[in-house]
C-alpha cells in the first residue's frame, strides 16, 4: 500500500507541509554505493571492508546496499533477491566484487576486462576505485534533497517508510524516480575469503557477519516515478511493506533493518539519497534501556581515553535523558548526563568524557546506566557492561627494524608511524614494484607509538595473494602480518631504564610544577581528572606502606572534604563545591608528604 502527496510550494513555508525535516538549502550529493557480492567470492570481504571504512569515515553522507547476485551467490544459504540480477546487469560488471557510486559512469575508473583494460561507459568499478569516486561525487551539486523516517509495528510486522524530496533546483529530465531499498545487517553465515580479508567479521563459531544486505525494494525494481521536479517542489510519500518471517534462507530480524532512499533521473544517475533506521512500535516494556556494548581500545599506554557505549531503547517511551556511570579499576565512578531523543527500538552510540586511571597491565572498565528519564527503568539487570583495556608492551630501546616486500602494485602500499599526539613521525616515500625493503627506524624520544601498514587494494603484499611484514623492536617482534589484508597496526611504548617516558602520566609524575612531594616516603602521587566538576581520584604510592590521610583544602587552608586511602587510591566528589582552586593534601604521622592543586569547574 502506498500513499502519495505531491505539493508545489509556490512560495509557502515548508514548515506548513513537511512531515519530515527535509532541508530547503541546496546540498552536495550524498553517496549511494551499490556493492555486488557473493558468499563464495574470495575477494568480496575486501570490498565489504572498504565499504565499511567509507561509511565509518562519513556516516551521514555514505549509504551502502550489498547485493548478492551472480554465480558467487548461488547455493545455500540463499542470500539472493529477485531484484539482484537486473541491478547487476545494469552496472555491466565484469566480475565480483564490483560496485557503483550513484550509478554513474566515471571514465577511466571502470572495472577492467580480462586484458586489464577499463570497459568504457559502464558504471561498475573495482573496489580500489570506490573511495576516490565517492569523494568526487560529494563535490557535485544536488538539485534535490531527501529525508526519510521509518517504523516497524512488532505486532503486525508492518514497515512504514515516510519520504520527502525537496527540489532546490530544476531537474534536467521531466521526471525522477524515488527508490526505497530495505537492508538487513547481522546475518550470520559462510563467506569465502573472510579470514584473509575481513577477519574482524568472523565470530567464535566461524560464521561471517553479513551487513547491509538488500532484502527488498519497496518501490519495485526501478523506483516510483514522480513528475513534479522543479525548484520549490516538495514530494511526500508513504510506503508500507508487511515483513515476512524469512526472505530466502534468512530470518528477518526486525531490530537490524535499515532503509536507504534515493532519487535517480532514470534507472541510472542517482542525484541524492538518505537513510533511516526503523523505530519499533508495540514494545511490551514501558521504559527500558539496555546497555548493548562498550567501545574501548584494546590497548593503551596513555591511561586515558574516551569510552563509547551503545544503548538500545527497548521500551515504547522515548528516552530523553540518561545518567551514566563509568569507572576503571574500582576507582570512584564519574557520571555523565546524556540528553537526546531515542525512539523505541533504536540504538544510540554515546561518547563519554575522558576516562583517566592509574594504568595496570590489565584495566577493568565498567559502564552502567543508573537513571533513565530521571528514574529507574523497567529491567535493572541489563544496565551495565564491562571491558578490559591492556597496557601496551614497553621496550627500553629506540631502534625499530621494518622489513617488507612490495608486490607489482607498490603504489597500493604505505606505512606510517604515529606518536602519542597522533603526529606522523615517519612514513614511506615512493616505493618500487617487487622490491625488498629493510629500514632501521630510530625514535628520538620515549613515547607511545602506533605503527600502521596499509595495502589500499586489500590483497596484501604479493600480487593478488597473501604477503608478509615483520616489525622488530630491539630484537623482539612487535608485529608479524601475513595473509591478505588492507590494514594492520600495532601499538608499543619506549621507556628509559626506570620505565618512564611512554606517555602514561602515572609512570612519570612531575609534581614539582604543581605541588610538593616527599620523595623519601612517596614513589607516586597524581590526581585525575584535573580540572573536574564531580569526581577526582588521588593516587598515592608510598615506599613503606605507611598510613596516609588525604584532605581537600580551600585557599584559606580550611578542610572541606576528606577521604580514606584504599589500596593507594582516594576519591572526592566535588560536585557540590564552589568553582575555584583547591589543595589536595596527603599527610602521614602528622607530616605533610604530598600536596598539589586542583581546579573545580
Protein backbone atom coordinates (compact mmCIF):
# COMPACT_ATOMS: atom_id res chain seq x y z
CA UNK A 1 0.00 0.00 0.00
CA UNK A 2 1.29 3.46 -0.85
CA UNK A 3 0.02 6.97 -0.26
CA UNK A 4 1.44 9.82 -2.33
CA UNK A 5 1.15 13.53 -1.58
CA UNK A 6 2.83 15.91 -4.04
CA UNK A 7 2.93 19.64 -3.39
CA UNK A 8 4.27 22.63 -5.29
CA UNK A 9 5.22 25.12 -2.58
CA UNK A 10 4.79 28.27 -4.66
CA UNK A 11 6.46 30.43 -2.03
CA UNK A 12 4.75 28.96 1.06
CA UNK A 13 6.90 27.99 4.07
CA UNK A 14 7.99 24.38 4.14
CA UNK A 15 7.02 24.00 7.80
CA UNK A 16 3.33 24.19 6.90
CA UNK A 17 3.54 20.99 4.89
CA UNK A 18 6.64 18.97 5.70
CA UNK A 19 6.22 15.87 7.83
CA UNK A 20 9.99 15.41 7.94
CA UNK A 21 12.77 17.93 8.37
CA UNK A 22 13.90 17.88 4.75
CA UNK A 23 16.28 20.74 4.08
CA UNK A 24 15.42 23.58 1.70
CA UNK A 25 19.08 24.54 1.39
CA UNK A 26 20.94 23.30 -1.67
CA UNK A 27 23.21 20.33 -0.81
CA UNK A 28 26.11 18.46 -2.33
CA UNK A 29 25.38 14.93 -3.46
CA UNK A 30 25.49 12.08 -0.96
CA UNK A 31 26.93 8.69 -1.84
CA UNK A 32 24.90 5.58 -2.63
CA UNK A 33 27.23 2.60 -3.01
CA UNK A 34 25.61 -0.49 -4.53
CA UNK A 35 28.05 -3.32 -3.85
CA UNK A 36 27.73 -6.55 -5.86
CA UNK A 37 28.96 -9.51 -3.86
CA UNK A 38 28.53 -13.21 -3.13
CA UNK A 39 29.28 -15.67 -0.35
CA UNK A 40 31.68 -17.80 -2.43
CA UNK A 41 33.56 -14.77 -3.79
CA UNK A 42 37.02 -14.87 -2.19
CA UNK A 43 37.81 -11.18 -2.62
CA UNK A 44 34.35 -9.87 -1.69
CA UNK A 45 35.19 -9.41 2.03
CA UNK A 46 37.90 -6.97 0.95
CA UNK A 47 35.13 -4.98 -0.73
CA UNK A 48 32.96 -5.20 2.38
CA UNK A 49 35.79 -3.77 4.47
CA UNK A 50 36.47 -0.89 2.09
CA UNK A 51 32.76 -0.02 2.05
CA UNK A 52 32.56 -0.15 5.85
CA UNK A 53 35.58 2.13 6.14
CA UNK A 54 33.96 4.60 3.75
CA UNK A 55 30.81 4.56 5.85
CA UNK A 56 32.69 4.95 9.13
CA UNK A 57 34.64 7.92 7.76
CA UNK A 58 31.48 9.84 6.73
CA UNK A 59 28.39 8.12 8.18
CA UNK A 60 25.92 10.89 7.34
CA UNK A 61 26.81 11.03 3.66
CA UNK A 62 27.56 7.43 2.62
CA UNK A 63 24.85 4.76 2.25
CA UNK A 64 25.58 1.15 1.35
CA UNK A 65 23.45 -1.54 -0.31
CA UNK A 66 25.01 -5.01 -0.57
CA UNK A 67 23.52 -7.04 -3.41
CA UNK A 68 24.16 -10.80 -3.60
CA UNK A 69 23.91 -11.79 -7.24
CA UNK A 70 25.52 -13.96 -9.89
CA UNK A 71 27.16 -17.37 -9.63
CA UNK A 72 29.04 -16.44 -6.45
CA UNK A 73 25.69 -16.02 -4.70
CA UNK A 74 24.26 -19.39 -5.73
CA UNK A 75 23.66 -22.29 -3.39
CA UNK A 76 22.69 -22.49 0.26
CA UNK A 77 22.12 -20.31 2.17
CA UNK A 78 20.22 -18.24 -0.34
CA UNK A 79 21.03 -14.52 0.05
CA UNK A 80 19.68 -13.56 -3.36
CA UNK A 81 16.60 -11.49 -4.17
CA UNK A 82 14.55 -11.09 -7.33
CA UNK A 83 15.94 -7.57 -7.86
CA UNK A 84 19.62 -8.54 -7.79
CA UNK A 85 20.16 -9.83 -11.36
CA UNK A 86 18.69 -6.74 -13.03
CA UNK A 87 20.77 -4.38 -10.86
CA UNK A 88 23.94 -6.36 -11.63
CA UNK A 89 23.14 -6.28 -15.36
CA UNK A 90 22.52 -2.53 -15.17
CA UNK A 91 26.05 -1.99 -13.82
CA UNK A 92 27.55 -4.15 -16.63
CA UNK A 93 30.02 -5.56 -14.12
CA UNK A 94 32.94 -7.67 -15.30
CA UNK A 95 33.43 -9.65 -12.09
CA UNK A 96 32.98 -9.74 -8.34
CA UNK A 97 33.23 -7.77 -6.16
CA UNK A 98 32.06 -4.72 -8.08
CA UNK A 99 30.36 -1.52 -7.05
CA UNK A 100 28.66 1.55 -8.44
CA UNK A 101 28.80 5.03 -6.96
CA UNK A 102 25.45 6.73 -7.59
CA UNK A 103 25.06 4.57 -10.74
CA UNK A 104 27.34 6.99 -12.57
CA UNK A 105 30.00 6.29 -15.16
CA UNK A 106 33.47 7.57 -14.24
CA UNK A 107 35.65 7.45 -17.39
CA UNK A 108 38.97 5.72 -16.78
CA UNK A 109 37.82 4.21 -13.47
CA UNK A 110 35.54 1.50 -14.88
CA UNK A 111 36.00 -2.14 -13.95
CA UNK A 112 38.57 -3.80 -16.21
CA UNK A 113 38.13 -6.70 -18.62
CA UNK A 114 40.34 -9.79 -18.88
CA UNK A 115 43.06 -7.70 -20.56
CA UNK A 116 43.14 -5.32 -17.58
CA UNK A 117 41.58 -2.55 -19.69
CA UNK A 118 38.78 -0.35 -18.26
CA UNK A 119 35.49 -1.09 -20.03
CA UNK A 120 34.38 2.27 -21.38
CA UNK A 121 30.92 3.53 -20.39
CA UNK A 122 29.97 1.07 -17.66
CA UNK A 123 29.14 2.12 -14.10
CA UNK A 124 30.72 -0.89 -12.34
CA UNK A 125 34.09 -0.27 -10.68
CA UNK A 126 36.63 -2.40 -8.85
CA UNK A 127 36.84 -1.92 -5.11
CA UNK A 128 40.05 0.11 -5.31
CA UNK A 129 38.17 2.98 -7.03
CA UNK A 130 35.13 3.25 -4.78
CA UNK A 131 36.50 5.60 -2.14
CA UNK A 132 38.05 8.06 -4.59
CA UNK A 133 34.93 8.31 -6.75
CA UNK A 134 32.79 8.71 -3.61
CA UNK A 135 34.91 11.70 -2.66
CA UNK A 136 34.43 13.12 -6.15
CA UNK A 137 30.64 12.66 -6.08
CA UNK A 138 30.41 14.62 -2.81
CA UNK A 139 31.78 17.71 -4.57
CA UNK A 140 28.88 17.78 -7.08
CA UNK A 141 25.73 19.84 -6.55
CA UNK A 142 22.42 18.06 -5.95
CA UNK A 143 19.18 19.67 -7.09
CA UNK A 144 17.03 17.58 -4.75
CA UNK A 145 17.28 16.83 -1.01
CA UNK A 146 15.95 13.62 0.58
CA UNK A 147 14.66 12.92 4.09
CA UNK A 148 13.19 9.68 5.43
CA UNK A 149 11.90 8.07 8.59
CA UNK A 150 10.63 4.54 9.20
CA UNK A 151 8.95 2.38 11.82
CA UNK A 152 8.01 -1.29 12.30
CA UNK A 153 4.96 -2.47 14.25
CA UNK A 154 6.06 -5.57 16.18
CA UNK A 155 2.51 -6.92 16.32
CA UNK A 156 1.62 -6.64 12.62
CA UNK A 157 5.21 -6.62 11.21
CA UNK A 158 4.18 -3.63 9.09
CA UNK A 159 7.10 -1.48 7.92
CA UNK A 160 6.15 2.13 7.20
CA UNK A 161 8.55 4.48 5.40
CA UNK A 162 7.86 8.20 5.04
CA UNK A 163 9.86 10.02 2.37
CA UNK A 164 10.24 13.67 1.45
CA UNK A 165 12.05 15.11 -1.56
CA UNK A 166 12.52 18.88 -1.86
CA UNK A 167 13.79 20.39 -5.11
CA UNK A 168 16.31 23.21 -4.67
CA UNK A 169 16.80 23.31 -8.45
CA UNK A 170 15.21 22.12 -11.66
CA UNK A 171 15.72 18.53 -12.78
CA UNK A 172 17.06 18.24 -16.35
CA UNK A 173 14.53 15.47 -17.01
CA UNK A 174 10.73 15.59 -16.96
CA UNK A 175 10.53 13.02 -14.18
CA UNK A 176 12.60 11.36 -11.47
CA UNK A 177 12.31 8.02 -9.68
CA UNK A 178 12.19 7.51 -5.91
CA UNK A 179 13.72 4.22 -4.77
CA UNK A 180 13.32 2.68 -1.30
CA UNK A 181 15.65 -0.23 -0.51
CA UNK A 182 15.35 -2.38 2.63
CA UNK A 183 18.59 -3.87 4.00
CA UNK A 184 19.41 -6.09 6.98
CA UNK A 185 22.63 -6.48 8.97
CA UNK A 186 23.93 -9.05 11.41
CA UNK A 187 23.23 -12.04 9.15
CA UNK A 188 25.45 -14.97 10.14
CA UNK A 189 26.67 -17.43 7.52
CA UNK A 190 29.51 -18.61 5.27
CA UNK A 191 31.81 -16.31 3.30
CA UNK A 192 34.86 -17.23 1.27
CA UNK A 193 37.91 -15.06 1.96
CA UNK A 194 36.58 -13.75 5.24
CA UNK A 195 39.50 -14.93 7.35
CA UNK A 196 42.02 -13.36 4.95
CA UNK A 197 40.36 -10.07 4.06
CA UNK A 198 37.99 -9.22 6.93
CA UNK A 199 38.71 -11.46 9.94
CA UNK A 200 37.02 -8.98 12.27
CA UNK A 201 33.68 -10.16 10.87
CA UNK A 202 34.16 -13.81 11.84
CA UNK A 203 32.66 -14.84 15.19
CA UNK A 204 33.69 -17.57 17.62
CA UNK A 205 31.69 -20.16 15.67
CA UNK A 206 33.48 -19.38 12.43
CA UNK A 207 30.45 -17.61 10.89
CA UNK A 208 30.86 -14.42 8.88
CA UNK A 209 28.65 -11.43 9.70
CA UNK A 210 26.94 -10.08 6.58
CA UNK A 211 25.77 -6.48 6.85
CA UNK A 212 23.65 -4.09 4.76
CA UNK A 213 22.30 -6.99 2.67
CA UNK A 214 19.44 -5.91 0.41
CA UNK A 215 16.19 -7.72 1.22
CA UNK A 216 13.52 -5.89 -0.78
CA UNK A 217 12.79 -2.80 -2.91
CA UNK A 218 9.56 -1.22 -1.63
CA UNK A 219 9.26 0.84 -4.81
CA UNK A 220 9.76 -2.03 -7.24
CA UNK A 221 12.72 -2.78 -9.47
CA UNK A 222 13.25 0.74 -10.85
CA UNK A 223 11.51 3.05 -8.42
CA UNK A 224 8.38 5.15 -8.22
CA UNK A 225 8.08 7.87 -10.85
CA UNK A 226 7.45 11.49 -9.84
CA UNK A 227 6.80 14.32 -12.29
CA UNK A 228 6.93 17.45 -10.08
CA UNK A 229 10.68 18.04 -10.29
CA UNK A 230 11.09 21.83 -10.45
CA UNK A 231 12.57 24.31 -7.97
CA UNK A 232 10.38 24.58 -4.86
CA UNK A 233 8.53 21.28 -5.40
CA UNK A 234 8.03 19.10 -2.33
CA UNK A 235 7.17 15.44 -2.77
CA UNK A 236 5.83 13.48 0.23
CA UNK A 237 5.26 9.74 0.01
CA UNK A 238 4.48 6.91 2.39
CA UNK A 239 5.34 3.29 1.59
CA UNK A 240 4.31 0.21 3.55
CA UNK A 241 5.50 -3.39 3.44
CA UNK A 242 4.45 -6.32 5.60
CA UNK A 243 7.68 -8.05 6.58
CA UNK A 244 7.67 -11.83 6.08
CA UNK A 245 9.26 -14.15 8.62
CA UNK A 246 12.00 -15.07 6.16
CA UNK A 247 13.39 -13.83 2.86
CA UNK A 248 15.25 -16.57 1.04
CA UNK A 249 17.04 -18.51 3.76
CA UNK A 250 17.36 -15.52 6.10
CA UNK A 251 15.16 -14.80 9.09
CA UNK A 252 14.00 -11.18 9.07
CA UNK A 253 15.35 -9.58 12.28
CA UNK A 254 13.21 -6.51 12.96
CA UNK A 255 15.94 -4.92 15.10
CA UNK A 256 18.61 -4.97 12.37
CA UNK A 257 16.85 -3.34 9.43
CA UNK A 258 17.77 -0.18 7.57
CA UNK A 259 16.13 1.77 4.77
CA UNK A 260 18.08 3.56 2.02
CA UNK A 261 16.11 6.08 -0.04
CA UNK A 262 17.44 7.72 -3.21
CA UNK A 263 16.25 9.68 -6.23
CA UNK A 264 17.52 8.77 -9.71
CA UNK A 265 16.97 10.54 -13.03
CA UNK A 266 16.19 7.32 -14.89
CA UNK A 267 17.36 3.83 -13.96
CA UNK A 268 20.83 5.44 -13.75
CA UNK A 269 22.37 8.59 -12.25
CA UNK A 270 21.38 8.84 -8.59
CA UNK A 271 21.16 12.53 -7.63
CA UNK A 272 20.87 12.22 -3.86
CA UNK A 273 20.00 9.80 -1.08
CA UNK A 274 19.48 9.30 2.62
CA UNK A 275 18.72 6.52 5.09
CA UNK A 276 16.57 5.74 8.13
CA UNK A 277 16.74 3.07 10.80
CA UNK A 278 13.19 1.92 11.61
CA UNK A 279 11.96 2.58 15.13
CA UNK A 280 9.86 -0.15 16.77
CA UNK A 281 6.29 0.21 17.98
CA UNK A 282 4.25 -2.26 20.02
CA UNK A 283 7.05 -2.91 22.56
CA UNK A 284 5.96 -4.69 25.75
CA UNK A 285 8.04 -2.62 28.19
CA UNK A 286 7.18 0.96 29.03
CA UNK A 287 10.59 2.42 29.90
CA UNK A 288 13.56 0.16 29.17
CA UNK A 289 17.18 0.96 28.28
CA UNK A 290 19.57 -1.93 27.59
CA UNK A 291 23.33 -1.46 27.51
CA UNK A 292 24.38 -3.40 24.40
CA UNK A 293 28.15 -2.97 24.20
CA UNK A 294 31.13 -0.76 25.01
CA UNK A 295 33.78 0.53 22.64
CA UNK A 296 37.18 0.81 24.31
CA UNK A 297 40.71 0.47 22.96
CA UNK A 298 42.22 -3.00 23.17
CA UNK A 299 45.46 -1.50 24.43
CA UNK A 300 46.56 1.85 25.80
CA UNK A 301 49.67 3.42 27.20
CA UNK A 302 48.19 6.85 27.87
CA UNK A 303 45.94 5.63 30.71
CA UNK A 304 43.30 7.91 29.24
CA UNK A 305 40.64 7.54 26.52
CA UNK A 306 37.08 8.47 25.64
CA UNK A 307 34.86 5.39 26.20
CA UNK A 308 31.81 4.80 24.00
CA UNK A 309 28.67 2.87 24.94
CA UNK A 310 25.87 1.53 22.73
CA UNK A 311 22.38 1.60 24.30
CA UNK A 312 19.09 0.35 22.82
CA UNK A 313 15.65 1.62 23.80
CA UNK A 314 13.50 -1.49 24.31
CA UNK A 315 10.53 0.48 25.65
CA UNK A 316 7.63 2.26 24.00
CA UNK A 317 8.54 5.50 25.78
CA UNK A 318 11.04 7.76 24.06
CA UNK A 319 14.19 8.10 26.15
CA UNK A 320 15.16 11.74 26.55
CA UNK A 321 17.76 11.52 29.33
CA UNK A 322 20.10 9.01 30.96
CA UNK A 323 22.62 9.22 33.78
CA UNK A 324 25.62 7.02 33.02
CA UNK A 325 28.37 5.98 35.44
CA UNK A 326 31.78 4.88 34.21
CA UNK A 327 34.96 3.91 36.02
CA UNK A 328 38.22 1.99 35.79
CA UNK A 329 39.85 -0.45 38.21
CA UNK A 330 37.32 0.04 41.03
CA UNK A 331 38.04 3.77 41.26
CA UNK A 332 35.19 6.11 42.15
CA UNK A 333 32.85 6.43 39.19
CA UNK A 334 32.42 9.51 37.04
CA UNK A 335 28.92 10.41 35.85
CA UNK A 336 27.67 11.70 32.52
CA UNK A 337 24.22 13.18 31.88
CA UNK A 338 23.01 12.32 28.36
CA UNK A 339 20.07 14.10 26.75
CA UNK A 340 18.55 13.36 23.38
CA UNK A 341 15.59 11.70 21.68
CA UNK A 342 15.98 7.90 21.46
CA UNK A 343 12.88 6.28 19.94
CA UNK A 344 11.67 2.79 20.75
CA UNK A 345 13.80 0.04 19.20
CA UNK A 346 16.63 2.34 18.13
CA UNK A 347 20.18 2.49 19.48
CA UNK A 348 22.44 5.37 20.44
CA UNK A 349 26.24 5.40 20.42
CA UNK A 350 27.23 7.71 23.26
CA UNK A 351 30.77 9.01 23.62
CA UNK A 352 31.57 9.59 27.28
CA UNK A 353 34.00 12.16 28.70
CA UNK A 354 37.65 11.24 29.02
CA UNK A 355 38.34 8.43 31.49
CA UNK A 356 41.75 8.58 33.20
CA UNK A 357 43.12 5.94 35.53
CA UNK A 358 46.24 4.57 37.16
CA UNK A 359 47.35 2.14 34.48
CA UNK A 360 47.87 -1.53 35.27
CA UNK A 361 48.81 -4.40 32.98
CA UNK A 362 45.07 -5.17 32.71
CA UNK A 363 42.46 -2.47 33.37
CA UNK A 364 38.78 -3.21 34.13
CA UNK A 365 36.33 -0.70 32.66
CA UNK A 366 32.71 -0.55 33.94
CA UNK A 367 29.92 1.45 32.28
CA UNK A 368 26.45 1.50 33.87
CA UNK A 369 23.15 3.30 33.28
CA UNK A 370 21.79 4.37 36.68
CA UNK A 371 18.87 6.60 35.62
CA UNK A 372 16.53 6.72 32.61
CA UNK A 373 14.26 9.75 32.16
CA UNK A 374 15.03 10.75 35.74
CA UNK A 375 14.30 7.40 37.40
CA UNK A 376 14.68 3.64 37.19
CA UNK A 377 13.82 1.73 34.02
CA UNK A 378 11.77 -1.48 33.91
CA UNK A 379 14.65 -4.02 33.87
CA UNK A 380 17.71 -3.36 36.03
CA UNK A 381 19.71 -6.49 35.18
CA UNK A 382 20.84 -5.33 31.70
CA UNK A 383 22.09 -1.84 32.54
CA UNK A 384 25.86 -2.35 32.62
CA UNK A 385 28.78 -3.64 30.57
CA UNK A 386 32.42 -4.34 31.35
CA UNK A 387 35.52 -4.25 29.16
CA UNK A 388 39.25 -4.78 29.57
CA UNK A 389 41.98 -2.44 28.34
CA UNK A 390 45.50 -3.85 28.31
CA UNK A 391 48.62 -1.76 28.76
CA UNK A 392 50.82 -1.76 25.67
CA UNK A 393 54.18 -3.52 25.85
CA UNK A 394 57.12 -1.30 26.81
CA UNK A 395 60.66 -1.54 25.44
CA UNK A 396 63.88 0.03 26.70
CA UNK A 397 65.24 0.72 23.23
CA UNK A 398 64.66 3.22 20.44
CA UNK A 399 65.62 1.14 17.41
CA UNK A 400 62.99 -0.47 15.22
CA UNK A 401 63.59 -2.63 12.14
CA UNK A 402 60.96 -2.79 9.40
CA UNK A 403 61.14 -5.38 6.63
CA UNK A 404 58.65 -5.98 3.81
CA UNK A 405 58.48 -6.74 0.11
CA UNK A 406 56.21 -4.85 -2.26
CA UNK A 407 54.32 -6.66 -4.98
CA UNK A 408 53.89 -5.44 -8.55
CA UNK A 409 51.46 -2.79 -7.27
CA UNK A 410 53.77 -0.92 -4.90
CA UNK A 411 51.66 2.24 -5.23
CA UNK A 412 48.99 0.48 -3.13
CA UNK A 413 51.41 0.07 -0.21
CA UNK A 414 52.10 2.62 2.53
CA UNK A 415 53.11 2.75 6.18
CA UNK A 416 53.13 5.41 8.88
CA UNK A 417 54.46 5.74 12.41
CA UNK A 418 52.44 7.96 14.80
CA UNK A 419 53.43 9.31 18.21
CA UNK A 420 51.05 9.73 21.16
CA UNK A 421 49.88 13.11 19.85
CA UNK A 422 48.80 11.50 16.56
CA UNK A 423 51.60 13.17 14.60
CA UNK A 424 53.26 11.18 11.82
CA UNK A 425 56.93 10.96 12.79
CA UNK A 426 57.98 8.82 9.83
CA UNK A 427 56.43 7.31 6.69
CA UNK A 428 57.43 5.68 3.44
CA UNK A 429 58.31 7.61 0.33
CA UNK A 430 57.79 6.39 -3.23
CA UNK A 431 58.02 2.58 -3.39
CA UNK A 432 59.21 0.45 -6.28
CA UNK A 433 57.40 -2.65 -7.52
CA UNK A 434 58.63 -6.04 -6.27
CA UNK A 435 61.37 -4.62 -4.06
CA UNK A 436 62.64 -5.82 -0.68
CA UNK A 437 62.79 -3.03 1.91
CA UNK A 438 64.69 -3.18 5.19
CA UNK A 439 64.68 0.02 7.20
CA UNK A 440 66.05 0.89 10.63
CA UNK A 441 63.91 3.50 12.37
CA UNK A 442 65.38 5.46 15.25
CA UNK A 443 62.87 7.10 17.62
CA UNK A 444 64.21 10.34 19.02
CA UNK A 445 62.19 10.33 22.26
CA UNK A 446 60.41 7.96 24.59
CA UNK A 447 56.71 7.95 23.82
CA UNK A 448 53.70 5.83 22.96
CA UNK A 449 53.67 4.92 19.25
CA UNK A 450 51.32 3.37 16.71
CA UNK A 451 52.63 1.69 13.56
CA UNK A 452 50.21 1.26 10.65
CA UNK A 453 50.77 -0.68 7.42
CA UNK A 454 48.22 -0.35 4.60
CA UNK A 455 47.51 -2.09 1.30
CA UNK A 456 44.83 0.09 -0.28
CA UNK A 457 43.50 -2.65 -2.57
CA UNK A 458 43.19 -5.12 0.31
CA UNK A 459 45.08 -8.09 -1.12
CA UNK A 460 48.30 -7.99 0.88
CA UNK A 461 51.79 -7.58 -0.48
CA UNK A 462 52.49 -10.30 -3.04
CA UNK A 463 50.46 -9.75 -6.18
CA UNK A 464 46.90 -10.98 -5.81
CA UNK A 465 47.69 -13.23 -2.84
CA UNK A 466 48.93 -13.03 0.73
CA UNK A 467 52.03 -11.14 1.79
CA UNK A 468 54.12 -10.74 4.93
CA UNK A 469 55.56 -7.93 7.00
CA UNK A 470 57.88 -8.02 10.01
CA UNK A 471 58.41 -5.24 12.56
CA UNK A 472 61.09 -5.90 15.19
CA UNK A 473 61.86 -3.76 18.20
CA UNK A 474 65.17 -4.30 19.97
CA UNK A 475 65.24 -7.94 18.93
CA UNK A 476 61.58 -8.51 19.90
CA UNK A 477 58.92 -8.95 17.23
CA UNK A 478 56.20 -6.31 17.63
CA UNK A 479 54.12 -7.04 14.53
CA UNK A 480 54.09 -10.04 12.19
CA UNK A 481 51.44 -9.93 9.46
CA UNK A 482 50.63 -12.49 6.81
CA UNK A 483 47.71 -13.33 4.58
CA UNK A 484 45.67 -10.83 2.60
CA UNK A 485 44.87 -7.61 4.42
CA UNK A 486 44.01 -3.98 3.88
CA UNK A 487 45.47 -2.62 7.12
CA UNK A 488 47.41 -3.99 10.08
CA UNK A 489 48.66 -1.98 13.02
CA UNK A 490 50.18 -2.28 16.47
CA UNK A 491 50.92 -0.10 19.48
CA UNK A 492 54.01 -0.04 21.68
CA UNK A 493 55.91 2.25 24.00
CA UNK A 494 59.53 3.22 24.53
CA UNK A 495 60.79 3.92 28.04
CA UNK A 496 64.04 4.68 29.80
CA UNK A 497 65.86 2.39 32.22
CA UNK A 498 63.49 3.45 35.02
CA UNK A 499 60.38 2.61 32.99
CA UNK A 500 59.45 6.25 32.42
CA UNK A 501 58.57 8.21 29.30
CA UNK A 502 55.92 6.25 27.42
CA UNK A 503 53.20 8.88 27.64
CA UNK A 504 51.50 7.28 30.65
CA UNK A 505 51.14 10.09 33.20
CA UNK A 506 51.29 7.66 36.12
CA UNK A 507 54.71 6.40 35.02
CA UNK A 508 56.47 9.73 35.28
CA UNK A 509 54.60 12.12 37.55
CA UNK A 510 56.08 15.58 37.77
CA UNK A 511 54.79 17.11 40.99
CA UNK A 512 57.42 19.83 41.27
CA UNK A 513 55.48 22.14 38.99
CA UNK A 514 52.18 21.90 40.86
CA UNK A 515 52.96 20.67 44.35
CA UNK A 516 55.38 19.29 46.94
CA UNK A 517 56.47 15.67 47.21
CA UNK A 518 58.46 13.90 49.95
CA UNK A 519 60.40 11.55 47.68
CA UNK A 520 61.74 9.56 50.62
CA UNK A 521 58.24 8.42 51.52
CA UNK A 522 56.24 8.73 48.27
CA UNK A 523 57.06 6.99 44.98
CA UNK A 524 53.96 8.12 43.06
CA UNK A 525 51.44 10.94 43.60
CA UNK A 526 48.89 12.03 40.99
CA UNK A 527 45.32 13.29 40.70
CA UNK A 528 42.86 12.98 37.81
CA UNK A 529 40.90 14.32 36.18
CA UNK A 530 42.12 17.85 36.78
CA UNK A 531 40.18 20.09 36.25
CA UNK A 532 36.97 18.28 37.28
CA UNK A 533 33.37 19.04 38.11
CA UNK A 534 32.41 15.87 40.01
CA UNK A 535 34.86 13.07 40.87
CA UNK A 536 38.60 13.45 41.43
CA UNK A 537 40.82 10.43 42.06
CA UNK A 538 44.02 10.69 44.10
CA UNK A 539 46.76 8.09 43.55
CA UNK A 540 49.42 7.72 46.25
CA UNK A 541 52.08 5.04 46.40
CA UNK A 542 54.38 5.07 49.44
CA UNK A 543 57.74 3.39 49.82
CA UNK A 544 56.94 1.72 53.15
CA UNK A 545 53.13 1.36 53.19
CA UNK A 546 52.66 3.98 55.91
CA UNK A 547 49.13 5.12 56.82
CA UNK A 548 48.07 8.16 54.79
CA UNK A 549 45.27 10.67 55.27
CA UNK A 550 44.02 12.77 52.32
CA UNK A 551 42.24 16.12 52.66
CA UNK A 552 40.86 18.69 50.27
CA UNK A 553 41.53 22.27 51.45
CA UNK A 554 40.22 25.59 50.23
CA UNK A 555 42.57 28.51 49.52
CA UNK A 556 42.30 29.61 53.17
CA UNK A 557 43.59 26.22 54.32
CA UNK A 558 40.25 25.02 55.67
CA UNK A 559 39.38 21.33 55.25
CA UNK A 560 36.31 20.95 53.04
CA UNK A 561 36.48 17.19 52.35
CA UNK A 562 38.49 14.21 53.50
CA UNK A 563 38.80 10.67 52.25
CA UNK A 564 40.34 7.35 53.16
CA UNK A 565 43.19 5.88 51.16
CA UNK A 566 42.14 2.43 49.90
CA UNK A 567 44.76 0.37 48.05
CA UNK A 568 46.59 3.55 47.16
CA UNK A 569 43.51 5.39 45.89
CA UNK A 570 41.29 8.06 47.42
CA UNK A 571 38.34 9.77 45.72
CA UNK A 572 36.42 13.01 46.30
CA UNK A 573 33.05 14.10 44.96
CA UNK A 574 33.41 17.85 44.44
CA UNK A 575 30.13 18.42 42.57
CA UNK A 576 28.68 20.47 45.45
CA UNK A 577 31.74 22.71 45.92
CA UNK A 578 32.08 26.21 44.52
CA UNK A 579 34.19 26.59 41.42
CA UNK A 580 37.80 27.53 42.06
CA UNK A 581 41.22 26.31 43.15
CA UNK A 582 41.65 23.80 45.99
CA UNK A 583 44.60 21.99 47.56
CA UNK A 584 44.91 18.20 47.78
CA UNK A 585 47.00 17.38 50.85
CA UNK A 586 48.32 13.98 51.91
CA UNK A 587 49.71 13.55 55.43
CA UNK A 588 51.29 10.70 57.37
CA UNK A 589 52.01 10.67 61.08
CA UNK A 590 51.14 14.34 61.26
CA UNK A 591 53.55 15.29 58.47
CA UNK A 592 52.63 16.61 55.03
CA UNK A 593 54.12 14.21 52.48
CA UNK A 594 52.50 15.45 49.24
CA UNK A 595 50.41 18.40 48.10
CA UNK A 596 49.14 19.68 44.78
CA UNK A 597 46.44 21.96 43.42
CA UNK A 598 43.04 21.02 41.97
CA UNK A 599 40.73 23.10 39.77
CA UNK A 600 36.98 22.60 40.26
CA UNK A 601 34.92 23.86 37.32
